[in-house]
Amino acid sequence: MAYVCTHCGKKIKQIENFVRCPYCGSRVLVKSRPNIPRDVSTD
């Protein structure tokens, strides 16, 4: 599961036992959503 740092915007692939971003040290990480194309009907 990938996470995204809200401070620097970098993607972090795995979180083992740390709660900080390894790039900037921020503690706020959010799970990234998968890029799924969605069909929208325009009826």
N, C-alpha and C. Protein backbone atom coordinates (compact mmCIF):
# COMPACT_ATOMS: atom_id res chain seq x y z
N MET A 1 0.84 -1.17 0.00
CA MET A 1 0.00 0.00 0.00
C MET A 1 0.89 1.24 0.00
N ALA A 2 0.61 2.14 -0.87
CA ALA A 2 1.42 3.35 -0.98
C ALA A 2 0.80 4.49 -0.17
N TYR A 3 1.66 5.32 0.35
CA TYR A 3 1.24 6.48 1.12
C TYR A 3 1.83 7.73 0.48
N VAL A 4 1.20 8.89 0.72
CA VAL A 4 1.68 10.16 0.20
C VAL A 4 1.85 11.11 1.37
N CYS A 5 2.99 11.78 1.41
CA CYS A 5 3.25 12.79 2.44
C CYS A 5 2.49 14.05 2.07
N THR A 6 1.76 14.62 3.02
CA THR A 6 0.98 15.82 2.72
C THR A 6 1.85 17.07 2.69
N HIS A 7 3.03 17.01 3.27
CA HIS A 7 3.91 18.19 3.31
C HIS A 7 4.72 18.33 2.02
N CYS A 8 5.43 17.27 1.63
CA CYS A 8 6.30 17.36 0.45
C CYS A 8 5.68 16.72 -0.79
N GLY A 9 4.65 15.86 -0.65
CA GLY A 9 3.98 15.26 -1.79
C GLY A 9 4.66 14.03 -2.36
N LYS A 10 5.68 13.51 -1.70
CA LYS A 10 6.39 12.34 -2.21
C LYS A 10 5.62 11.07 -1.85
N LYS A 11 5.75 10.07 -2.74
CA LYS A 11 5.11 8.78 -2.50
C LYS A 11 6.04 7.88 -1.71
N ILE A 12 5.50 7.18 -0.74
CA ILE A 12 6.26 6.24 0.09
C ILE A 12 5.62 4.88 -0.13
N LYS A 13 6.40 3.91 -0.60
CA LYS A 13 5.83 2.62 -0.98
C LYS A 13 5.47 1.76 0.23
N GLN A 14 6.34 1.67 1.22
CA GLN A 14 6.06 0.82 2.38
C GLN A 14 6.32 1.58 3.66
N ILE A 15 5.48 1.32 4.63
CA ILE A 15 5.71 1.85 5.97
C ILE A 15 5.93 0.65 6.88
N GLU A 16 7.11 0.54 7.43
CA GLU A 16 7.39 -0.60 8.29
C GLU A 16 7.08 -0.25 9.74
N ASN A 17 7.97 0.46 10.41
CA ASN A 17 7.72 0.82 11.80
C ASN A 17 7.99 2.29 12.05
N PHE A 18 7.87 3.13 11.03
CA PHE A 18 8.10 4.54 11.24
C PHE A 18 6.83 5.32 10.94
N VAL A 19 6.71 6.47 11.56
CA VAL A 19 5.52 7.30 11.37
C VAL A 19 5.89 8.64 10.76
N ARG A 20 7.06 8.76 10.18
CA ARG A 20 7.49 10.01 9.58
C ARG A 20 7.89 9.78 8.14
N CYS A 21 7.79 10.84 7.36
CA CYS A 21 8.24 10.81 5.98
C CYS A 21 9.77 10.75 5.98
N PRO A 22 10.37 9.83 5.24
CA PRO A 22 11.83 9.74 5.24
C PRO A 22 12.50 10.91 4.49
N TYR A 23 11.73 11.68 3.72
CA TYR A 23 12.29 12.78 2.95
C TYR A 23 12.28 14.10 3.73
N CYS A 24 11.13 14.46 4.33
CA CYS A 24 11.02 15.76 4.99
C CYS A 24 10.80 15.67 6.49
N GLY A 25 10.43 14.49 7.02
CA GLY A 25 10.23 14.33 8.46
C GLY A 25 8.83 14.65 8.93
N SER A 26 7.91 14.90 8.03
CA SER A 26 6.53 15.21 8.40
C SER A 26 5.85 13.96 8.94
N ARG A 27 4.92 14.14 9.86
CA ARG A 27 4.22 13.00 10.45
C ARG A 27 2.86 12.73 9.83
N VAL A 28 2.45 13.54 8.86
CA VAL A 28 1.12 13.39 8.28
C VAL A 28 1.26 12.64 6.95
N LEU A 29 0.79 11.39 6.94
CA LEU A 29 0.82 10.55 5.75
C LEU A 29 -0.60 10.11 5.42
N VAL A 30 -0.93 10.08 4.14
CA VAL A 30 -2.27 9.74 3.69
C VAL A 30 -2.16 8.58 2.72
N LYS A 31 -3.09 7.63 2.79
CA LYS A 31 -3.11 6.53 1.83
C LYS A 31 -3.46 7.07 0.46
N SER A 32 -2.70 6.64 -0.55
CA SER A 32 -2.98 7.10 -1.90
C SER A 32 -4.05 6.22 -2.53
N ARG A 33 -4.86 6.84 -3.35
CA ARG A 33 -5.92 6.11 -4.03
C ARG A 33 -5.40 5.60 -5.37
N PRO A 34 -5.84 4.43 -5.81
CA PRO A 34 -5.40 3.93 -7.11
C PRO A 34 -6.03 4.74 -8.23
N ASN A 35 -5.32 4.84 -9.35
CA ASN A 35 -5.84 5.56 -10.51
C ASN A 35 -6.72 4.63 -11.32
N ILE A 36 -8.02 4.68 -11.05
CA ILE A 36 -8.98 3.83 -11.74
C ILE A 36 -9.81 4.73 -12.65
N PRO A 37 -9.75 4.49 -13.95
CA PRO A 37 -10.59 5.29 -14.84
C PRO A 37 -12.06 4.94 -14.64
N ARG A 38 -12.89 5.93 -14.59
CA ARG A 38 -14.32 5.70 -14.37
C ARG A 38 -15.09 6.18 -15.58
N ASP A 39 -16.09 5.40 -15.95
CA ASP A 39 -16.95 5.77 -17.08
C ASP A 39 -18.10 6.63 -16.57
N VAL A 40 -18.26 7.79 -17.18
CA VAL A 40 -19.33 8.69 -16.80
C VAL A 40 -20.25 8.82 -17.99
N SER A 41 -21.52 8.53 -17.78
CA SER A 41 -22.47 8.65 -18.88
C SER A 41 -22.98 10.09 -18.96
N THR A 42 -23.16 10.54 -20.17
CA THR A 42 -23.64 11.91 -20.38
C THR A 42 -25.00 11.86 -21.07
N ASP A 43 -25.94 11.23 -20.42
CA ASP A 43 -27.27 11.09 -21.01
C ASP A 43 -28.03 12.37 -20.93
